[in-house]
Amino acid sequence: MQKKTYLLFVFILLLFGIIGIILINTIDNSSSTYKEVRSNSGRDKGNLAKEESSEITLAAIGDILIHDRVYNDAREGNRFNFDKMLDNIASELKKPDLLIANQETIVAGESIGLSGYPAFNSPHEIADSLKKAGIDIVTTANNHALDRGVDAQKLSLDYLNQIGLPHVGTYLSKDDQDKVVVLEKKGIKVAYLAYTYGLNGIPIPEGKEYIVNILDKKRMSNEIQKAKKEADVVVMMIHWGNEYQRFPSNEQKELAQFFVDEGVHIIFGSHPHVLQPIEWVKGHNGHKGLVVYSLGNFLSGQDEEYRDIGGMVTVTVKKKQLGKQTSITMEAPSFYPTFVSSKAEKDYKMYPLQDSQHAINKYSPSIYKEIMEHMQKEGQAD
């Protein structure tokens, strides 16, 4: 009898432990879900209509910022292998139905010469590895988009097109720019938009204003309204904020409010190179949007404080359709923090932060708890 009681006690402890792990990876706040109901055009079939439902997981990771020390470490003879850097987390990257990354460096390849900071150009193989690891689409609208000029940008986009990796934010033509990038999974259409605050002072050639989406409220409003007509969910990838600041600026918060007021569902931010918190923002007419102010660096050569910690934010989206009414529900996001380990600018490898002895050695045994709490600080402004 005592043995049975002991085994039952152990089972209960294990059960609570599992529940605790699940909860700690969920970003919790008082507004953890959002439901939106729309009326569609067409004849209402009333009670005879059959309810249809589906759900997907949308996710994003931060900056793929390939410094020269990173691609030199990936070099294997006459090619580059970034797979080994991602191996420890690749299974996690394959879990979401749709995953987007910020490809911060162009991937024009060796034909024009590889380069790191301040004017980046990366090997083709980083794009290959991202696609292999589970990335479904990349945003290319960032301050390094024209680091090596318009021709280099074209080579980069040509390669992404060649391997079938969708991209958003930079374009080869005005026609391309005018098309909303929509990906569909399980009957749910997701529109991806992307903009950057600037290009490090590099001017856009006259007549080629289409090559990069620069922040412009009128254009953004028009594109958001167009995206809402073509998709169930609108995702904004935005390059903004101040580098190395762990909390959003007032400008970020004001722009986030603008996006939500316009009807954007999810905002994924980049540029600070460190993680910034997640919060729900309420817009007019009751619309709410989820804002991840900064996803930080995902894979990069930066190892300064907090610049080697990033992660993946995942949101579950549910769609229900009955007659001419469609409802979209977004549930509380989960966060999977990651750490980039290296030794003397070599041996770059990514690890789950929770299991990384390297991160514990560098920071503290409580680094995982610290980061999870940081992401729940609801976007307090600097």
Protein backbone atom coordinates (compact mmCIF):
# COMPACT_ATOMS: atom_id res chain seq x y z
CA MET A 1 0.00 0.00 0.00
CA GLN A 2 2.84 2.37 0.89
CA LYS A 3 4.52 1.59 -2.45
CA LYS A 4 1.32 2.45 -4.38
CA THR A 5 0.94 5.69 -2.45
CA TYR A 6 4.57 6.59 -3.20
CA LEU A 7 4.16 5.87 -6.93
CA LEU A 8 0.98 7.98 -7.04
CA PHE A 9 2.82 10.85 -5.33
CA VAL A 10 5.69 10.63 -7.86
CA PHE A 11 3.20 10.60 -10.75
CA ILE A 12 1.47 13.74 -9.45
CA LEU A 13 4.82 15.53 -9.08
CA LEU A 14 5.79 14.63 -12.66
CA LEU A 15 2.40 15.79 -13.95
CA PHE A 16 2.74 19.18 -12.27
CA GLY A 17 6.28 19.45 -13.60
CA ILE A 18 5.10 18.91 -17.17
CA ILE A 19 2.31 21.47 -16.70
CA GLY A 20 4.84 23.92 -15.31
CA ILE A 21 7.07 23.54 -18.38
CA ILE A 22 4.11 24.19 -20.67
CA LEU A 23 3.02 27.26 -18.74
CA ILE A 24 6.45 28.85 -18.50
CA ASN A 25 6.75 28.82 -22.29
CA THR A 26 3.44 30.65 -22.70
CA ILE A 27 3.54 34.42 -22.60
CA ASP A 28 0.82 35.21 -20.10
CA ASN A 29 -1.03 38.46 -19.60
CA SER A 30 -4.56 39.61 -18.92
CA SER A 31 -5.45 39.75 -22.63
CA SER A 32 -4.15 36.38 -23.75
CA THR A 33 -6.60 35.77 -26.58
CA TYR A 34 -8.39 37.79 -29.23
CA LYS A 35 -11.43 36.91 -31.32
CA GLU A 36 -12.50 38.78 -34.45
CA VAL A 37 -15.81 38.21 -36.23
CA ARG A 38 -16.33 39.31 -39.84
CA SER A 39 -19.29 39.21 -42.19
CA ASN A 40 -18.50 37.93 -45.66
CA SER A 41 -20.30 38.95 -48.82
CA GLY A 42 -22.63 36.45 -50.39
CA ARG A 43 -25.89 34.69 -49.51
CA ASP A 44 -26.34 33.61 -45.90
CA LYS A 45 -27.34 29.96 -45.73
CA GLY A 46 -28.59 30.40 -42.18
CA ASN A 47 -28.97 27.38 -39.96
CA LEU A 48 -28.38 25.01 -42.87
CA ALA A 49 -24.76 26.10 -43.09
CA LYS A 50 -22.17 23.73 -41.70
CA GLU A 51 -19.53 25.24 -39.46
CA GLU A 52 -16.02 24.80 -40.78
CA SER A 53 -12.99 25.26 -38.57
CA SER A 54 -9.23 25.05 -38.86
CA GLU A 55 -6.19 26.22 -36.95
CA ILE A 56 -2.54 26.90 -37.68
CA THR A 57 0.53 28.07 -35.82
CA LEU A 58 2.33 31.19 -37.05
CA ALA A 59 5.87 31.84 -35.86
CA ALA A 60 8.79 34.18 -36.35
CA ILE A 61 12.48 34.23 -35.52
CA GLY A 62 14.80 37.22 -35.40
CA ASP A 63 17.88 38.42 -37.22
CA ILE A 64 19.92 36.18 -39.50
CA LEU A 65 22.95 38.46 -39.39
CA ILE A 66 25.86 36.65 -40.99
CA HIS A 67 29.13 38.28 -39.97
CA ASP A 68 32.31 37.21 -41.75
CA ARG A 69 33.38 35.16 -38.72
CA VAL A 70 30.15 33.19 -38.98
CA TYR A 71 30.44 32.31 -42.67
CA ASN A 72 34.15 31.58 -42.27
CA ASP A 73 33.23 29.08 -39.56
CA ALA A 74 30.67 27.53 -41.92
CA ARG A 75 33.21 27.07 -44.72
CA GLU A 76 33.87 23.46 -45.74
CA GLY A 77 36.24 23.36 -48.70
CA ASN A 78 34.63 25.25 -51.57
CA ARG A 79 31.17 25.44 -49.99
CA PHE A 80 29.48 26.53 -46.76
CA ASN A 81 27.51 24.44 -44.28
CA PHE A 82 25.25 26.33 -41.88
CA ASP A 83 23.19 23.22 -41.09
CA LYS A 84 25.48 22.28 -38.21
CA MET A 85 24.83 25.64 -36.55
CA LEU A 86 21.08 25.01 -36.56
CA ASP A 87 21.02 21.26 -35.86
CA ASN A 88 20.27 21.54 -32.13
CA ILE A 89 17.09 23.54 -32.71
CA ALA A 90 16.03 22.40 -36.19
CA SER A 91 13.33 20.08 -34.87
CA GLU A 92 11.71 23.01 -33.04
CA LEU A 93 11.80 25.19 -36.16
CA LYS A 94 9.83 22.57 -38.07
CA LYS A 95 6.90 22.65 -35.64
CA PRO A 96 5.04 25.83 -36.76
CA ASP A 97 2.85 25.68 -39.84
CA LEU A 98 4.34 28.97 -41.10
CA LEU A 99 7.67 30.38 -39.93
CA ILE A 100 9.24 33.66 -41.03
CA ALA A 101 12.79 34.91 -40.40
CA ASN A 102 14.46 38.29 -40.76
CA GLN A 103 17.16 37.68 -43.39
CA GLU A 104 19.16 40.75 -42.47
CA THR A 105 22.01 40.17 -44.91
CA ILE A 106 21.67 39.75 -48.66
CA VAL A 107 22.56 36.32 -50.06
CA ALA A 108 24.13 37.35 -53.37
CA GLY A 109 26.84 34.70 -52.99
CA GLU A 110 30.53 34.52 -53.82
CA SER A 111 30.37 35.87 -57.37
CA ILE A 112 30.57 39.46 -56.10
CA GLY A 113 32.66 38.68 -53.03
CA LEU A 114 31.45 37.83 -49.54
CA SER A 115 31.54 40.50 -46.84
CA GLY A 116 30.62 41.13 -43.24
CA TYR A 117 30.00 44.31 -41.26
CA PRO A 118 29.30 47.04 -42.25
CA ALA A 119 28.31 46.11 -45.83
CA PHE A 120 27.08 42.52 -45.68
CA ASN A 121 26.87 39.87 -48.38
CA SER A 122 26.39 36.24 -47.39
CA PRO A 123 26.82 32.85 -49.08
CA HIS A 124 23.85 31.32 -50.87
CA GLU A 125 24.02 28.39 -48.49
CA ILE A 126 22.55 30.28 -45.53
CA ALA A 127 19.27 30.53 -47.45
CA ASP A 128 19.49 26.82 -48.28
CA SER A 129 19.98 25.95 -44.61
CA LEU A 130 17.12 28.15 -43.46
CA LYS A 131 14.73 26.53 -45.90
CA LYS A 132 15.93 23.07 -44.94
CA ALA A 133 15.49 23.89 -41.24
CA GLY A 134 11.84 24.86 -41.71
CA ILE A 135 11.71 28.56 -42.55
CA ASP A 136 8.82 29.18 -44.96
CA ILE A 137 9.41 32.85 -45.81
CA VAL A 138 11.92 35.61 -45.09
CA THR A 139 11.63 39.36 -44.71
CA THR A 140 14.35 41.30 -46.52
CA ALA A 141 13.29 44.85 -45.62
CA ASN A 142 16.00 46.11 -43.29
CA ASN A 143 18.77 48.71 -43.09
CA HIS A 144 21.26 46.38 -44.84
CA ALA A 145 19.07 45.69 -47.90
CA LEU A 146 21.22 47.84 -50.21
CA ASP A 147 24.59 47.31 -48.51
CA ARG A 148 26.18 46.14 -51.76
CA GLY A 149 23.95 48.01 -54.19
CA VAL A 150 20.96 47.34 -56.40
CA ASP A 151 22.66 44.69 -58.57
CA ALA A 152 23.67 42.70 -55.49
CA GLN A 153 20.17 42.90 -54.14
CA LYS A 154 18.85 41.53 -57.44
CA LEU A 155 21.29 38.60 -57.26
CA SER A 156 20.07 37.90 -53.74
CA LEU A 157 16.38 37.93 -54.67
CA ASP A 158 17.08 35.87 -57.79
CA TYR A 159 18.61 33.18 -55.60
CA LEU A 160 15.71 33.16 -53.15
CA ASN A 161 13.37 32.78 -56.13
CA GLN A 162 15.56 30.02 -57.55
CA ILE A 163 15.31 27.88 -54.41
CA GLY A 164 11.63 28.67 -53.89
CA LEU A 165 11.95 30.61 -50.64
CA PRO A 166 9.26 33.33 -50.54
CA HIS A 167 10.37 36.80 -49.47
CA VAL A 168 8.77 40.13 -48.64
CA GLY A 169 9.98 43.71 -48.28
CA THR A 170 12.35 44.08 -51.26
CA TYR A 171 11.40 43.63 -54.89
CA LEU A 172 12.59 43.29 -58.47
CA SER A 173 9.80 45.40 -59.98
CA LYS A 174 6.89 47.69 -59.18
CA ASP A 175 4.52 44.88 -60.11
CA ASP A 176 6.17 42.64 -57.50
CA GLN A 177 5.90 45.35 -54.87
CA ASP A 178 2.20 45.87 -55.57
CA LYS A 179 1.37 42.21 -54.97
CA VAL A 180 0.49 41.19 -51.42
CA VAL A 181 2.49 38.13 -50.37
CA VAL A 182 -0.06 35.59 -49.11
CA LEU A 183 0.70 32.08 -47.87
CA GLU A 184 -2.09 29.61 -47.18
CA LYS A 185 -2.14 26.69 -44.75
CA LYS A 186 -5.13 24.53 -43.88
CA GLY A 187 -7.53 26.99 -45.45
CA ILE A 188 -6.18 30.00 -43.54
CA LYS A 189 -4.64 32.76 -45.65
CA VAL A 190 -1.83 34.82 -44.09
CA ALA A 191 -0.65 38.09 -45.64
CA TYR A 192 2.93 39.17 -44.92
CA LEU A 193 3.98 42.82 -45.14
CA ALA A 194 7.45 44.22 -44.41
CA TYR A 195 8.98 47.68 -43.99
CA THR A 196 12.20 49.23 -42.72
CA TYR A 197 12.92 52.59 -41.11
CA GLY A 198 15.85 53.25 -43.46
CA LEU A 199 18.95 52.04 -45.31
CA ASN A 200 21.92 53.41 -43.34
CA GLY A 201 21.90 56.54 -45.47
CA ILE A 202 22.15 54.68 -48.79
CA PRO A 203 19.89 56.42 -51.34
CA ILE A 204 17.40 54.51 -53.43
CA PRO A 205 18.10 55.13 -57.15
CA GLU A 206 15.57 57.37 -58.85
CA GLY A 207 12.91 55.36 -60.62
CA LYS A 208 13.53 52.29 -58.46
CA GLU A 209 11.60 53.29 -55.36
CA TYR A 210 9.99 49.84 -55.43
CA ILE A 211 13.16 47.98 -54.47
CA VAL A 212 12.72 48.44 -50.69
CA ASN A 213 9.66 49.20 -48.58
CA ILE A 214 10.48 52.28 -46.48
CA LEU A 215 8.18 53.39 -43.64
CA ASP A 216 5.40 55.52 -45.09
CA LYS A 217 2.07 55.63 -43.29
CA LYS A 218 -0.04 56.33 -46.36
CA ARG A 219 1.48 53.46 -48.33
CA MET A 220 1.37 51.14 -45.32
CA SER A 221 -2.29 51.94 -44.67
CA ASN A 222 -3.19 51.22 -48.29
CA GLU A 223 -1.30 47.93 -48.28
CA ILE A 224 -2.81 46.83 -44.97
CA GLN A 225 -6.34 47.46 -46.28
CA LYS A 226 -5.52 45.52 -49.43
CA ALA A 227 -4.06 42.66 -47.39
CA LYS A 228 -7.17 42.48 -45.20
CA LYS A 229 -9.26 41.86 -48.32
CA GLU A 230 -6.98 39.08 -49.55
CA ALA A 231 -6.20 37.22 -46.32
CA ASP A 232 -7.62 36.12 -42.99
CA VAL A 233 -4.61 37.26 -40.97
CA VAL A 234 -2.23 40.19 -41.58
CA VAL A 235 1.35 39.94 -40.29
CA MET A 236 3.63 42.99 -40.28
CA MET A 237 7.40 42.51 -40.24
CA ILE A 238 8.86 45.83 -39.14
CA HIS A 239 12.49 46.94 -38.87
CA TRP A 240 12.44 49.68 -36.23
CA GLY A 241 13.64 50.87 -32.84
CA ASN A 242 17.06 51.49 -31.32
CA GLU A 243 19.92 49.05 -31.42
CA TYR A 244 20.75 47.19 -28.18
CA GLN A 245 17.84 48.71 -26.23
CA ARG A 246 15.89 46.02 -24.36
CA PHE A 247 12.62 47.96 -24.28
CA PRO A 248 10.69 49.64 -27.10
CA SER A 249 10.91 53.35 -27.72
CA ASN A 250 7.88 55.61 -27.70
CA GLU A 251 8.15 55.74 -31.50
CA GLN A 252 7.85 51.94 -31.68
CA LYS A 253 4.80 51.96 -29.44
CA GLU A 254 3.16 54.74 -31.46
CA LEU A 255 3.79 52.89 -34.72
CA ALA A 256 2.50 49.64 -33.23
CA GLN A 257 -0.69 51.47 -32.28
CA PHE A 258 -1.00 52.74 -35.87
CA PHE A 259 -0.64 49.21 -37.27
CA VAL A 260 -3.24 47.78 -34.90
CA ASP A 261 -5.64 50.66 -35.60
CA GLU A 262 -5.27 49.82 -39.30
CA GLY A 263 -6.15 46.17 -38.64
CA VAL A 264 -2.83 44.30 -38.45
CA HIS A 265 -3.13 41.12 -36.37
CA ILE A 266 0.51 40.34 -35.52
CA ILE A 267 3.58 42.60 -35.54
CA PHE A 268 7.06 41.07 -35.42
CA GLY A 269 9.84 43.60 -34.87
CA SER A 270 13.56 43.55 -35.59
CA HIS A 271 16.66 45.80 -35.57
CA PRO A 272 17.48 46.22 -31.84
CA HIS A 273 19.48 42.91 -31.94
CA VAL A 274 18.21 42.13 -28.44
CA LEU A 275 14.87 40.81 -27.25
CA GLN A 276 12.10 43.26 -26.42
CA PRO A 277 8.80 42.33 -24.72
CA ILE A 278 5.52 41.08 -26.13
CA GLU A 279 2.15 42.72 -25.55
CA TRP A 280 -1.39 42.94 -26.83
CA VAL A 281 -2.36 46.36 -28.17
CA LYS A 282 -5.99 47.47 -28.44
CA GLY A 283 -7.02 49.47 -31.47
CA HIS A 284 -10.19 51.28 -32.38
CA ASN A 285 -13.41 49.31 -32.92
CA GLY A 286 -12.18 46.72 -30.43
CA HIS A 287 -9.54 45.26 -32.74
CA LYS A 288 -6.49 43.90 -30.92
CA GLY A 289 -3.07 43.04 -32.23
CA LEU A 290 -0.15 41.10 -30.83
CA VAL A 291 3.16 43.00 -30.84
CA VAL A 292 6.58 41.40 -30.46
CA TYR A 293 8.69 44.54 -30.26
CA SER A 294 11.96 42.77 -31.07
CA LEU A 295 12.88 39.15 -31.71
CA GLY A 296 16.58 39.92 -31.20
CA ASN A 297 19.39 38.17 -33.02
CA PHE A 298 18.75 34.58 -34.03
CA LEU A 299 22.00 33.61 -35.73
CA SER A 300 24.78 36.20 -35.74
CA GLY A 301 28.38 36.84 -34.76
CA GLN A 302 27.47 39.30 -32.00
CA ASP A 303 28.31 37.97 -28.55
CA GLU A 304 27.95 41.10 -26.44
CA GLU A 305 25.50 41.05 -23.52
CA TYR A 306 22.06 39.75 -24.54
CA ARG A 307 22.93 39.93 -28.26
CA ASP A 308 23.47 36.17 -28.40
CA ILE A 309 19.99 35.41 -27.05
CA GLY A 310 17.01 35.27 -29.40
CA GLY A 311 14.12 32.95 -29.94
CA MET A 312 10.95 31.96 -31.73
CA VAL A 313 7.50 33.35 -30.95
CA THR A 314 4.56 31.16 -31.98
CA VAL A 315 0.90 32.15 -32.14
CA THR A 316 -2.02 29.77 -32.65
CA VAL A 317 -4.65 31.13 -35.04
CA LYS A 318 -8.08 29.54 -35.30
CA LYS A 319 -10.60 30.17 -38.05
CA LYS A 320 -14.28 29.29 -37.90
CA GLN A 321 -16.73 29.89 -40.70
CA LEU A 322 -20.50 29.61 -40.48
CA GLY A 323 -22.57 30.92 -43.35
CA LYS A 324 -21.27 34.36 -44.21
CA GLN A 325 -19.62 34.89 -40.84
CA THR A 326 -15.94 34.17 -40.23
CA SER A 327 -14.26 34.37 -36.86
CA ILE A 328 -10.50 34.56 -36.30
CA THR A 329 -9.11 33.80 -32.85
CA MET A 330 -5.51 34.37 -31.78
CA GLU A 331 -4.39 32.61 -28.63
CA ALA A 332 -1.65 33.45 -26.16
CA PRO A 333 1.78 33.22 -27.83
CA SER A 334 4.51 30.87 -26.72
CA PHE A 335 8.19 31.76 -26.67
CA TYR A 336 11.12 29.42 -27.29
CA PRO A 337 14.36 31.24 -26.34
CA THR A 338 17.65 30.32 -28.00
CA PHE A 339 21.34 30.97 -27.45
CA VAL A 340 24.26 31.22 -29.91
CA SER A 341 27.42 29.66 -28.51
CA SER A 342 30.90 30.24 -29.94
CA LYS A 343 34.54 29.89 -28.98
CA ALA A 344 37.08 32.49 -30.12
CA GLU A 345 34.92 33.40 -33.15
CA LYS A 346 34.57 29.74 -34.17
CA ASP A 347 32.31 26.78 -33.50
CA TYR A 348 29.06 28.74 -33.80
CA LYS A 349 26.14 26.62 -32.63
CA MET A 350 22.60 27.35 -31.52
CA TYR A 351 21.04 25.80 -28.43
CA PRO A 352 17.71 25.99 -26.63
CA LEU A 353 18.37 28.55 -23.90
CA GLN A 354 16.73 26.34 -21.30
CA ASP A 355 19.29 23.55 -21.86
CA SER A 356 22.36 25.63 -22.64
CA GLN A 357 25.20 25.22 -20.17
CA HIS A 358 27.08 27.74 -22.30
CA ALA A 359 24.46 30.40 -21.53
CA ILE A 360 24.39 29.49 -17.85
CA ASN A 361 28.18 29.81 -17.68
CA LYS A 362 28.10 33.21 -19.39
CA TYR A 363 25.10 34.71 -17.62
CA SER A 364 23.66 32.87 -14.60
CA PRO A 365 21.71 29.71 -13.70
CA SER A 366 18.54 31.83 -13.80
CA ILE A 367 19.04 33.24 -17.32
CA TYR A 368 16.13 31.24 -18.79
CA LYS A 369 13.73 32.51 -16.11
CA GLU A 370 15.07 36.06 -16.53
CA ILE A 371 14.46 36.06 -20.28
CA MET A 372 10.96 34.57 -19.99
CA GLU A 373 10.04 37.24 -17.45
CA HIS A 374 11.59 39.96 -19.61
CA MET A 375 9.38 39.00 -22.55
CA GLN A 376 6.29 39.46 -20.37
CA LYS A 377 7.06 43.00 -19.24
CA GLU A 378 4.39 44.29 -21.61
CA GLY A 379 6.46 46.66 -23.66
CA GLN A 380 7.23 49.39 -21.15
CA ALA A 381 8.80 52.25 -23.10
CA ASP A 382 12.29 53.60 -22.52
